[in-house]
Amino acid sequence: MSDMKLKELGNYKTRKEVETFLDAYPFEKNDFNGRTELLLKVMGNPALFFSIGSPKPEIKYEFVMESFLTGSWRFAKMCRKNKDERNGE
């Protein structure tokens, strides 16, 4: 998927927008792992800790979707980018 498409996904703010976008890609409806990986990629591949251990793929997708929709990842991604630029990376 192109960086432009990933950026487009990153601009969505509602579950309906995100799921409509994901439905347009060659994911099976129940390919929770693929959908989760794509959302994490857009979010800058943050390290996530699940206090419940390793959740089932559909539960992990729901957690990641909720995290995506809060938008807090945008601030974290911006901070990482700023840090990398200061360090010349």
PDB file of N, CA and C in Angstrom:
ATOM      1  N   MET A   1       0.839  -1.175   0.000  1.00  0.00           N
ATOM      2  CA  MET A   1       0.000   0.000   0.000  1.00  0.00           C
ATOM      3  C   MET A   1       0.886   1.240   0.000  1.00  0.00           C
ATOM      4  N   SER A   2       0.508   2.208  -0.776  1.00  0.00           N
ATOM      5  CA  SER A   2       1.323   3.413  -0.916  1.00  0.00           C
ATOM      6  C   SER A   2       1.269   4.260   0.351  1.00  0.00           C
ATOM      7  N   ASP A   3       2.324   5.074   0.524  1.00  0.00           N
ATOM      8  CA  ASP A   3       2.369   5.985   1.664  1.00  0.00           C
ATOM      9  C   ASP A   3       1.204   6.964   1.617  1.00  0.00           C
ATOM     10  N   MET A   4       0.793   7.337   0.404  1.00  0.00           N
ATOM     11  CA  MET A   4      -0.315   8.264   0.257  1.00  0.00           C
ATOM     12  C   MET A   4      -1.612   7.655   0.792  1.00  0.00           C
ATOM     13  N   LYS A   5      -1.832   6.372   0.505  1.00  0.00           N
ATOM     14  CA  LYS A   5      -3.024   5.683   0.999  1.00  0.00           C
ATOM     15  C   LYS A   5      -2.971   5.538   2.519  1.00  0.00           C
ATOM     16  N   LEU A   6      -1.769   5.256   3.054  1.00  0.00           N
ATOM     17  CA  LEU A   6      -1.626   5.149   4.504  1.00  0.00           C
ATOM     18  C   LEU A   6      -1.922   6.484   5.173  1.00  0.00           C
ATOM     19  N   LYS A   7      -1.456   7.559   4.548  1.00  0.00           N
ATOM     20  CA  LYS A   7      -1.720   8.892   5.090  1.00  0.00           C
ATOM     21  C   LYS A   7      -3.218   9.173   5.062  1.00  0.00           C
ATOM     22  N   GLU A   8      -3.875   8.755   3.984  1.00  0.00           N
ATOM     23  CA  GLU A   8      -5.332   8.929   3.875  1.00  0.00           C
ATOM     24  C   GLU A   8      -6.031   8.226   5.030  1.00  0.00           C
ATOM     25  N   LEU A   9      -5.652   6.994   5.294  1.00  0.00           N
ATOM     26  CA  LEU A   9      -6.239   6.238   6.395  1.00  0.00           C
ATOM     27  C   LEU A   9      -5.994   6.958   7.719  1.00  0.00           C
ATOM     28  N   GLY A  10      -4.807   7.502   7.891  1.00  0.00           N
ATOM     29  CA  GLY A  10      -4.473   8.201   9.127  1.00  0.00           C
ATOM     30  C   GLY A  10      -5.313   9.437   9.385  1.00  0.00           C
ATOM     31  N   ASN A  11      -5.960   9.942   8.357  1.00  0.00           N
ATOM     32  CA  ASN A  11      -6.802  11.130   8.515  1.00  0.00           C
ATOM     33  C   ASN A  11      -8.218  10.813   8.970  1.00  0.00           C
ATOM     34  N   TYR A  12      -8.596   9.550   8.924  1.00  0.00           N
ATOM     35  CA  TYR A  12      -9.965   9.184   9.287  1.00  0.00           C
ATOM     36  C   TYR A  12     -10.144   9.230  10.801  1.00  0.00           C
ATOM     37  N   LYS A  13     -11.363   9.630  11.199  1.00  0.00           N
ATOM     38  CA  LYS A  13     -11.633   9.824  12.626  1.00  0.00           C
ATOM     39  C   LYS A  13     -12.777   8.962  13.157  1.00  0.00           C
ATOM     40  N   THR A  14     -13.517   8.323  12.258  1.00  0.00           N
ATOM     41  CA  THR A  14     -14.644   7.503  12.719  1.00  0.00           C
ATOM     42  C   THR A  14     -14.426   6.040  12.352  1.00  0.00           C
ATOM     43  N   ARG A  15     -15.050   5.188  13.119  1.00  0.00           N
ATOM     44  CA  ARG A  15     -14.964   3.752  12.853  1.00  0.00           C
ATOM     45  C   ARG A  15     -15.502   3.437  11.461  1.00  0.00           C
ATOM     46  N   LYS A  16     -16.604   4.082  11.090  1.00  0.00           N
ATOM     47  CA  LYS A  16     -17.209   3.833   9.778  1.00  0.00           C
ATOM     48  C   LYS A  16     -16.234   4.180   8.653  1.00  0.00           C
ATOM     49  N   GLU A  17     -15.545   5.314   8.762  1.00  0.00           N
ATOM     50  CA  GLU A  17     -14.570   5.707   7.741  1.00  0.00           C
ATOM     51  C   GLU A  17     -13.432   4.688   7.647  1.00  0.00           C
ATOM     52  N   VAL A  18     -12.910   4.286   8.802  1.00  0.00           N
ATOM     53  CA  VAL A  18     -11.786   3.340   8.831  1.00  0.00           C
ATOM     54  C   VAL A  18     -12.210   1.997   8.249  1.00  0.00           C
ATOM     55  N   GLU A  19     -13.351   1.491   8.680  1.00  0.00           N
ATOM     56  CA  GLU A  19     -13.781   0.178   8.205  1.00  0.00           C
ATOM     57  C   GLU A  19     -14.158   0.203   6.725  1.00  0.00           C
ATOM     58  N   THR A  20     -14.711   1.305   6.247  1.00  0.00           N
ATOM     59  CA  THR A  20     -15.004   1.436   4.813  1.00  0.00           C
ATOM     60  C   THR A  20     -13.698   1.390   4.023  1.00  0.00           C
ATOM     61  N   PHE A  21     -12.682   2.083   4.512  1.00  0.00           N
ATOM     62  CA  PHE A  21     -11.360   2.079   3.877  1.00  0.00           C
ATOM     63  C   PHE A  21     -10.793   0.658   3.866  1.00  0.00           C
ATOM     64  N   LEU A  22     -10.818  -0.013   5.012  1.00  0.00           N
ATOM     65  CA  LEU A  22     -10.264  -1.370   5.108  1.00  0.00           C
ATOM     66  C   LEU A  22     -11.042  -2.357   4.237  1.00  0.00           C
ATOM     67  N   ASP A  23     -12.347  -2.162   4.132  1.00  0.00           N
ATOM     68  CA  ASP A  23     -13.171  -3.056   3.309  1.00  0.00           C
ATOM     69  C   ASP A  23     -12.830  -2.948   1.829  1.00  0.00           C
ATOM     70  N   ALA A  24     -12.237  -1.824   1.423  1.00  0.00           N
ATOM     71  CA  ALA A  24     -11.878  -1.620   0.016  1.00  0.00           C
ATOM     72  C   ALA A  24     -10.562  -2.321  -0.346  1.00  0.00           C
ATOM     73  N   TYR A  25      -9.885  -2.874   0.637  1.00  0.00           N
ATOM     74  CA  TYR A  25      -8.617  -3.557   0.390  1.00  0.00           C
ATOM     75  C   TYR A  25      -8.817  -5.057   0.444  1.00  0.00           C
ATOM     76  N   PRO A  26      -7.861  -5.790  -0.111  1.00  0.00           N
ATOM     77  CA  PRO A  26      -8.063  -7.243  -0.231  1.00  0.00           C
ATOM     78  C   PRO A  26      -7.911  -8.007   1.084  1.00  0.00           C
ATOM     79  N   PHE A  27      -8.604  -7.535   2.107  1.00  0.00           N
ATOM     80  CA  PHE A  27      -8.652  -8.266   3.370  1.00  0.00           C
ATOM     81  C   PHE A  27      -9.933  -9.077   3.385  1.00  0.00           C
ATOM     82  N   GLU A  28      -9.848 -10.256   3.912  1.00  0.00           N
ATOM     83  CA  GLU A  28     -11.076 -10.995   4.195  1.00  0.00           C
ATOM     84  C   GLU A  28     -11.777 -10.250   5.325  1.00  0.00           C
ATOM     85  N   LYS A  29     -13.068 -10.345   5.392  1.00  0.00           N
ATOM     86  CA  LYS A  29     -13.836  -9.642   6.428  1.00  0.00           C
ATOM     87  C   LYS A  29     -13.329 -10.001   7.827  1.00  0.00           C
ATOM     88  N   ASN A  30     -12.892 -11.240   8.001  1.00  0.00           N
ATOM     89  CA  ASN A  30     -12.427 -11.683   9.312  1.00  0.00           C
ATOM     90  C   ASN A  30     -10.902 -11.753   9.420  1.00  0.00           C
ATOM     91  N   ASP A  31     -10.190 -11.055   8.535  1.00  0.00           N
ATOM     92  CA  ASP A  31      -8.729 -11.020   8.615  1.00  0.00           C
ATOM     93  C   ASP A  31      -8.318  -9.942   9.622  1.00  0.00           C
ATOM     94  N   PHE A  32      -8.535 -10.253  10.885  1.00  0.00           N
ATOM     95  CA  PHE A  32      -8.247  -9.273  11.929  1.00  0.00           C
ATOM     96  C   PHE A  32      -6.756  -8.981  12.036  1.00  0.00           C
ATOM     97  N   ASN A  33      -5.914  -9.988  11.775  1.00  0.00           N
ATOM     98  CA  ASN A  33      -4.467  -9.756  11.852  1.00  0.00           C
ATOM     99  C   ASN A  33      -4.008  -8.744  10.802  1.00  0.00           C
ATOM    100  N   GLY A  34      -4.480  -8.892   9.562  1.00  0.00           N
ATOM    101  CA  GLY A  34      -4.103  -7.966   8.495  1.00  0.00           C
ATOM    102  C   GLY A  34      -4.585  -6.556   8.772  1.00  0.00           C
ATOM    103  N   ARG A  35      -5.810  -6.444   9.224  1.00  0.00           N
ATOM    104  CA  ARG A  35      -6.378  -5.132   9.541  1.00  0.00           C
ATOM    105  C   ARG A  35      -5.629  -4.482  10.697  1.00  0.00           C
ATOM    106  N   THR A  36      -5.321  -5.269  11.708  1.00  0.00           N
ATOM    107  CA  THR A  36      -4.584  -4.754  12.873  1.00  0.00           C
ATOM    108  C   THR A  36      -3.202  -4.279  12.463  1.00  0.00           C
ATOM    109  N   GLU A  37      -2.499  -5.081  11.664  1.00  0.00           N
ATOM    110  CA  GLU A  37      -1.156  -4.702  11.210  1.00  0.00           C
ATOM    111  C   GLU A  37      -1.170  -3.392  10.437  1.00  0.00           C
ATOM    112  N   LEU A  38      -2.180  -3.202   9.593  1.00  0.00           N
ATOM    113  CA  LEU A  38      -2.264  -1.976   8.811  1.00  0.00           C
ATOM    114  C   LEU A  38      -2.514  -0.769   9.719  1.00  0.00           C
ATOM    115  N   LEU A  39      -3.422  -0.895  10.678  1.00  0.00           N
ATOM    116  CA  LEU A  39      -3.670   0.208  11.600  1.00  0.00           C
ATOM    117  C   LEU A  39      -2.416   0.535  12.398  1.00  0.00           C
ATOM    118  N   LEU A  40      -1.719  -0.492  12.860  1.00  0.00           N
ATOM    119  CA  LEU A  40      -0.485  -0.257  13.622  1.00  0.00           C
ATOM    120  C   LEU A  40       0.571   0.435  12.765  1.00  0.00           C
ATOM    121  N   LYS A  41       0.652   0.055  11.505  1.00  0.00           N
ATOM    122  CA  LYS A  41       1.619   0.692  10.603  1.00  0.00           C
ATOM    123  C   LYS A  41       1.316   2.185  10.469  1.00  0.00           C
ATOM    124  N   VAL A  42       0.048   2.510  10.277  1.00  0.00           N
ATOM    125  CA  VAL A  42      -0.348   3.915  10.158  1.00  0.00           C
ATOM    126  C   VAL A  42      -0.033   4.665  11.449  1.00  0.00           C
ATOM    127  N   MET A  43      -0.182   3.991  12.581  1.00  0.00           N
ATOM    128  CA  MET A  43       0.056   4.609  13.878  1.00  0.00           C
ATOM    129  C   MET A  43       1.549   4.730  14.201  1.00  0.00           C
ATOM    130  N   GLY A  44       2.409   4.249  13.325  1.00  0.00           N
ATOM    131  CA  GLY A  44       3.844   4.319  13.565  1.00  0.00           C
ATOM    132  C   GLY A  44       4.394   3.127  14.319  1.00  0.00           C
ATOM    133  N   ASN A  45       3.681   2.018  14.265  1.00  0.00           N
ATOM    134  CA  ASN A  45       4.069   0.768  14.931  1.00  0.00           C
ATOM    135  C   ASN A  45       4.416   0.976  16.403  1.00  0.00           C
ATOM    136  N   PRO A  46       3.458   1.486  17.169  1.00  0.00           N
ATOM    137  CA  PRO A  46       3.727   1.689  18.595  1.00  0.00           C
ATOM    138  C   PRO A  46       3.853   0.353  19.325  1.00  0.00           C
ATOM    139  N   ALA A  47       4.600   0.366  20.406  1.00  0.00           N
ATOM    140  CA  ALA A  47       4.687  -0.816  21.264  1.00  0.00           C
ATOM    141  C   ALA A  47       3.419  -0.845  22.109  1.00  0.00           C
ATOM    142  N   LEU A  48       2.691  -1.942  22.044  1.00  0.00           N
ATOM    143  CA  LEU A  48       1.463  -2.061  22.819  1.00  0.00           C
ATOM    144  C   LEU A  48       1.601  -3.161  23.851  1.00  0.00           C
ATOM    145  N   PHE A  49       1.064  -2.903  25.007  1.00  0.00           N
ATOM    146  CA  PHE A  49       1.051  -3.882  26.084  1.00  0.00           C
ATOM    147  C   PHE A  49      -0.399  -4.195  26.413  1.00  0.00           C
ATOM    148  N   PHE A  50      -0.725  -5.467  26.425  1.00  0.00           N
ATOM    149  CA  PHE A  50      -2.078  -5.887  26.770  1.00  0.00           C
ATOM    150  C   PHE A  50      -2.034  -6.562  28.129  1.00  0.00           C
ATOM    151  N   SER A  51      -2.638  -5.930  29.111  1.00  0.00           N
ATOM    152  CA  SER A  51      -2.594  -6.465  30.470  1.00  0.00           C
ATOM    153  C   SER A  51      -3.324  -7.794  30.593  1.00  0.00           C
ATOM    154  N   ILE A  52      -4.092  -8.147  29.577  1.00  0.00           N
ATOM    155  CA  ILE A  52      -4.819  -9.426  29.605  1.00  0.00           C
ATOM    156  C   ILE A  52      -4.003 -10.548  28.964  1.00  0.00           C
ATOM    157  N   GLY A  53      -2.759 -10.269  28.608  1.00  0.00           N
ATOM    158  CA  GLY A  53      -1.928 -11.266  27.936  1.00  0.00           C
ATOM    159  C   GLY A  53      -2.018 -11.099  26.437  1.00  0.00           C
ATOM    160  N   SER A  54      -2.088 -12.203  25.723  1.00  0.00           N
ATOM    161  CA  SER A  54      -2.193 -12.162  24.264  1.00  0.00           C
ATOM    162  C   SER A  54      -3.651 -12.356  23.860  1.00  0.00           C
ATOM    163  N   PRO A  55      -4.317 -11.267  23.502  1.00  0.00           N
ATOM    164  CA  PRO A  55      -5.736 -11.400  23.148  1.00  0.00           C
ATOM    165  C   PRO A  55      -5.922 -12.099  21.800  1.00  0.00           C
ATOM    166  N   LYS A  56      -7.103 -12.665  21.606  1.00  0.00           N
ATOM    167  CA  LYS A  56      -7.457 -13.253  20.313  1.00  0.00           C
ATOM    168  C   LYS A  56      -7.392 -12.160  19.256  1.00  0.00           C
ATOM    169  N   PRO A  57      -7.151 -12.527  17.993  1.00  0.00           N
ATOM    170  CA  PRO A  57      -7.020 -11.520  16.933  1.00  0.00           C
ATOM    171  C   PRO A  57      -8.164 -10.517  16.855  1.00  0.00           C
ATOM    172  N   GLU A  58      -9.405 -10.979  17.018  1.00  0.00           N
ATOM    173  CA  GLU A  58     -10.526 -10.043  16.914  1.00  0.00           C
ATOM    174  C   GLU A  58     -10.570  -9.059  18.093  1.00  0.00           C
ATOM    175  N   ILE A  59     -10.132  -9.512  19.264  1.00  0.00           N
ATOM    176  CA  ILE A  59     -10.087  -8.629  20.440  1.00  0.00           C
ATOM    177  C   ILE A  59      -8.942  -7.629  20.284  1.00  0.00           C
ATOM    178  N   LYS A  60      -7.798  -8.100  19.807  1.00  0.00           N
ATOM    179  CA  LYS A  60      -6.662  -7.204  19.574  1.00  0.00           C
ATOM    180  C   LYS A  60      -7.042  -6.135  18.552  1.00  0.00           C
ATOM    181  N   TYR A  61      -7.757  -6.523  17.491  1.00  0.00           N
ATOM    182  CA  TYR A  61      -8.217  -5.572  16.484  1.00  0.00           C
ATOM    183  C   TYR A  61      -9.088  -4.497  17.128  1.00  0.00           C
ATOM    184  N   GLU A  62      -9.990  -4.896  18.000  1.00  0.00           N
ATOM    185  CA  GLU A  62     -10.871  -3.933  18.673  1.00  0.00           C
ATOM    186  C   GLU A  62     -10.063  -2.971  19.540  1.00  0.00           C
ATOM    187  N   PHE A  63      -9.079  -3.488  20.267  1.00  0.00           N
ATOM    188  CA  PHE A  63      -8.227  -2.623  21.096  1.00  0.00           C
ATOM    189  C   PHE A  63      -7.463  -1.630  20.229  1.00  0.00           C
ATOM    190  N   VAL A  64      -6.885  -2.128  19.152  1.00  0.00           N
ATOM    191  CA  VAL A  64      -6.102  -1.263  18.258  1.00  0.00           C
ATOM    192  C   VAL A  64      -7.014  -0.248  17.570  1.00  0.00           C
ATOM    193  N   MET A  65      -8.191  -0.675  17.158  1.00  0.00           N
ATOM    194  CA  MET A  65      -9.144   0.243  16.540  1.00  0.00           C
ATOM    195  C   MET A  65      -9.501   1.369  17.514  1.00  0.00           C
ATOM    196  N   GLU A  66      -9.783   1.033  18.750  1.00  0.00           N
ATOM    197  CA  GLU A  66     -10.124   2.057  19.740  1.00  0.00           C
ATOM    198  C   GLU A  66      -8.949   3.010  19.962  1.00  0.00           C
ATOM    199  N   SER A  67      -7.755   2.461  20.023  1.00  0.00           N
ATOM    200  CA  SER A  67      -6.562   3.294  20.177  1.00  0.00           C
ATOM    201  C   SER A  67      -6.402   4.214  18.971  1.00  0.00           C
ATOM    202  N   PHE A  68      -6.616   3.678  17.782  1.00  0.00           N
ATOM    203  CA  PHE A  68      -6.527   4.462  16.554  1.00  0.00           C
ATOM    204  C   PHE A  68      -7.531   5.613  16.588  1.00  0.00           C
ATOM    205  N   LEU A  69      -8.756   5.318  16.975  1.00  0.00           N
ATOM    206  CA  LEU A  69      -9.817   6.321  16.952  1.00  0.00           C
ATOM    207  C   LEU A  69      -9.619   7.425  17.994  1.00  0.00           C
ATOM    208  N   THR A  70      -8.894   7.150  19.067  1.00  0.00           N
ATOM    209  CA  THR A  70      -8.645   8.199  20.064  1.00  0.00           C
ATOM    210  C   THR A  70      -7.738   9.282  19.494  1.00  0.00           C
ATOM    211  N   GLY A  71      -6.882   8.892  18.537  1.00  0.00           N
ATOM    212  CA  GLY A  71      -5.990   9.859  17.900  1.00  0.00           C
ATOM    213  C   GLY A  71      -4.747  10.195  18.687  1.00  0.00           C
ATOM    214  N   SER A  72      -4.586   9.638  19.876  1.00  0.00           N
ATOM    215  CA  SER A  72      -3.408   9.965  20.691  1.00  0.00           C
ATOM    216  C   SER A  72      -2.108   9.528  20.015  1.00  0.00           C
ATOM    217  N   TRP A  73      -2.202   8.553  19.127  1.00  0.00           N
ATOM    218  CA  TRP A  73      -1.021   8.072  18.409  1.00  0.00           C
ATOM    219  C   TRP A  73      -0.434   9.163  17.523  1.00  0.00           C
ATOM    220  N   ARG A  74      -1.257  10.103  17.090  1.00  0.00           N
ATOM    221  CA  ARG A  74      -0.760  11.181  16.231  1.00  0.00           C
ATOM    222  C   ARG A  74       0.274  12.035  16.978  1.00  0.00           C
ATOM    223  N   PHE A  75      -0.013  12.321  18.243  1.00  0.00           N
ATOM    224  CA  PHE A  75       0.911  13.106  19.054  1.00  0.00           C
ATOM    225  C   PHE A  75       2.213  12.327  19.279  1.00  0.00           C
ATOM    226  N   ALA A  76       2.098  11.055  19.610  1.00  0.00           N
ATOM    227  CA  ALA A  76       3.287  10.232  19.845  1.00  0.00           C
ATOM    228  C   ALA A  76       4.136  10.128  18.581  1.00  0.00           C
ATOM    229  N   LYS A  77       3.489   9.973  17.435  1.00  0.00           N
ATOM    230  CA  LYS A  77       4.206   9.872  16.160  1.00  0.00           C
ATOM    231  C   LYS A  77       4.927  11.181  15.854  1.00  0.00           C
ATOM    232  N   MET A  78       4.265  12.303  16.130  1.00  0.00           N
ATOM    233  CA  MET A  78       4.874  13.608  15.906  1.00  0.00           C
ATOM    234  C   MET A  78       6.101  13.790  16.809  1.00  0.00           C
ATOM    235  N   CYS A  79       6.013  13.360  18.052  1.00  0.00           N
ATOM    236  CA  CYS A  79       7.149  13.464  18.983  1.00  0.00           C
ATOM    237  C   CYS A  79       8.326  12.614  18.514  1.00  0.00           C
ATOM    238  N   ARG A  80       8.053  11.386  18.042  1.00  0.00           N
ATOM    239  CA  ARG A  80       9.134  10.525  17.538  1.00  0.00           C
ATOM    240  C   ARG A  80       9.802  11.160  16.327  1.00  0.00           C
ATOM    241  N   LYS A  81       9.004  11.738  15.440  1.00  0.00           N
ATOM    242  CA  LYS A  81       9.550  12.376  14.248  1.00  0.00           C
ATOM    243  C   LYS A  81      10.437  13.556  14.639  1.00  0.00           C
ATOM    244  N   ASN A  82       9.971  14.367  15.585  1.00  0.00           N
ATOM    245  CA  ASN A  82      10.750  15.513  16.052  1.00  0.00           C
ATOM    246  C   ASN A  82      12.067  15.058  16.676  1.00  0.00           C
ATOM    247  N   LYS A  83      12.011  14.007  17.461  1.00  0.00           N
ATOM    248  CA  LYS A  83      13.221  13.471  18.104  1.00  0.00           C
ATOM    249  C   LYS A  83      14.203  12.972  17.050  1.00  0.00           C
ATOM    250  N   ASP A  84      13.698  12.251  16.046  1.00  0.00           N
ATOM    251  CA  ASP A  84      14.558  11.739  14.980  1.00  0.00           C
ATOM    252  C   ASP A  84      15.206  12.881  14.206  1.00  0.00           C
ATOM    253  N   GLU A  85      14.452  13.932  13.951  1.00  0.00           N
ATOM    254  CA  GLU A  85      15.001  15.080  13.217  1.00  0.00           C
ATOM    255  C   GLU A  85      16.078  15.781  14.034  1.00  0.00           C
ATOM    256  N   ARG A  86      15.881  15.900  15.324  1.00  0.00           N
ATOM    257  CA  ARG A  86      16.899  16.522  16.184  1.00  0.00           C
ATOM    258  C   ARG A  86      18.172  15.679  16.227  1.00  0.00           C
ATOM    259  N   ASN A  87      18.010  14.366  16.137  1.00  0.00           N
ATOM    260  CA  ASN A  87      19.156  13.452  16.196  1.00  0.00           C
ATOM    261  C   ASN A  87      19.762  13.212  14.823  1.00  0.00           C
ATOM    262  N   GLY A  88      19.232  13.865  13.792  1.00  0.00           N
ATOM    263  CA  GLY A  88      19.776  13.735  12.447  1.00  0.00           C
ATOM    264  C   GLY A  88      19.474  12.409  11.769  1.00  0.00           C
ATOM    265  N   GLU A  89      18.432  11.747  12.192  1.00  0.00           N
ATOM    266  CA  GLU A  89      18.069  10.455  11.588  1.00  0.00           C
ATOM    267  C   GLU A  89      17.110  10.633  10.451  1.00  0.00           C
TER     268      GLU A  89
END
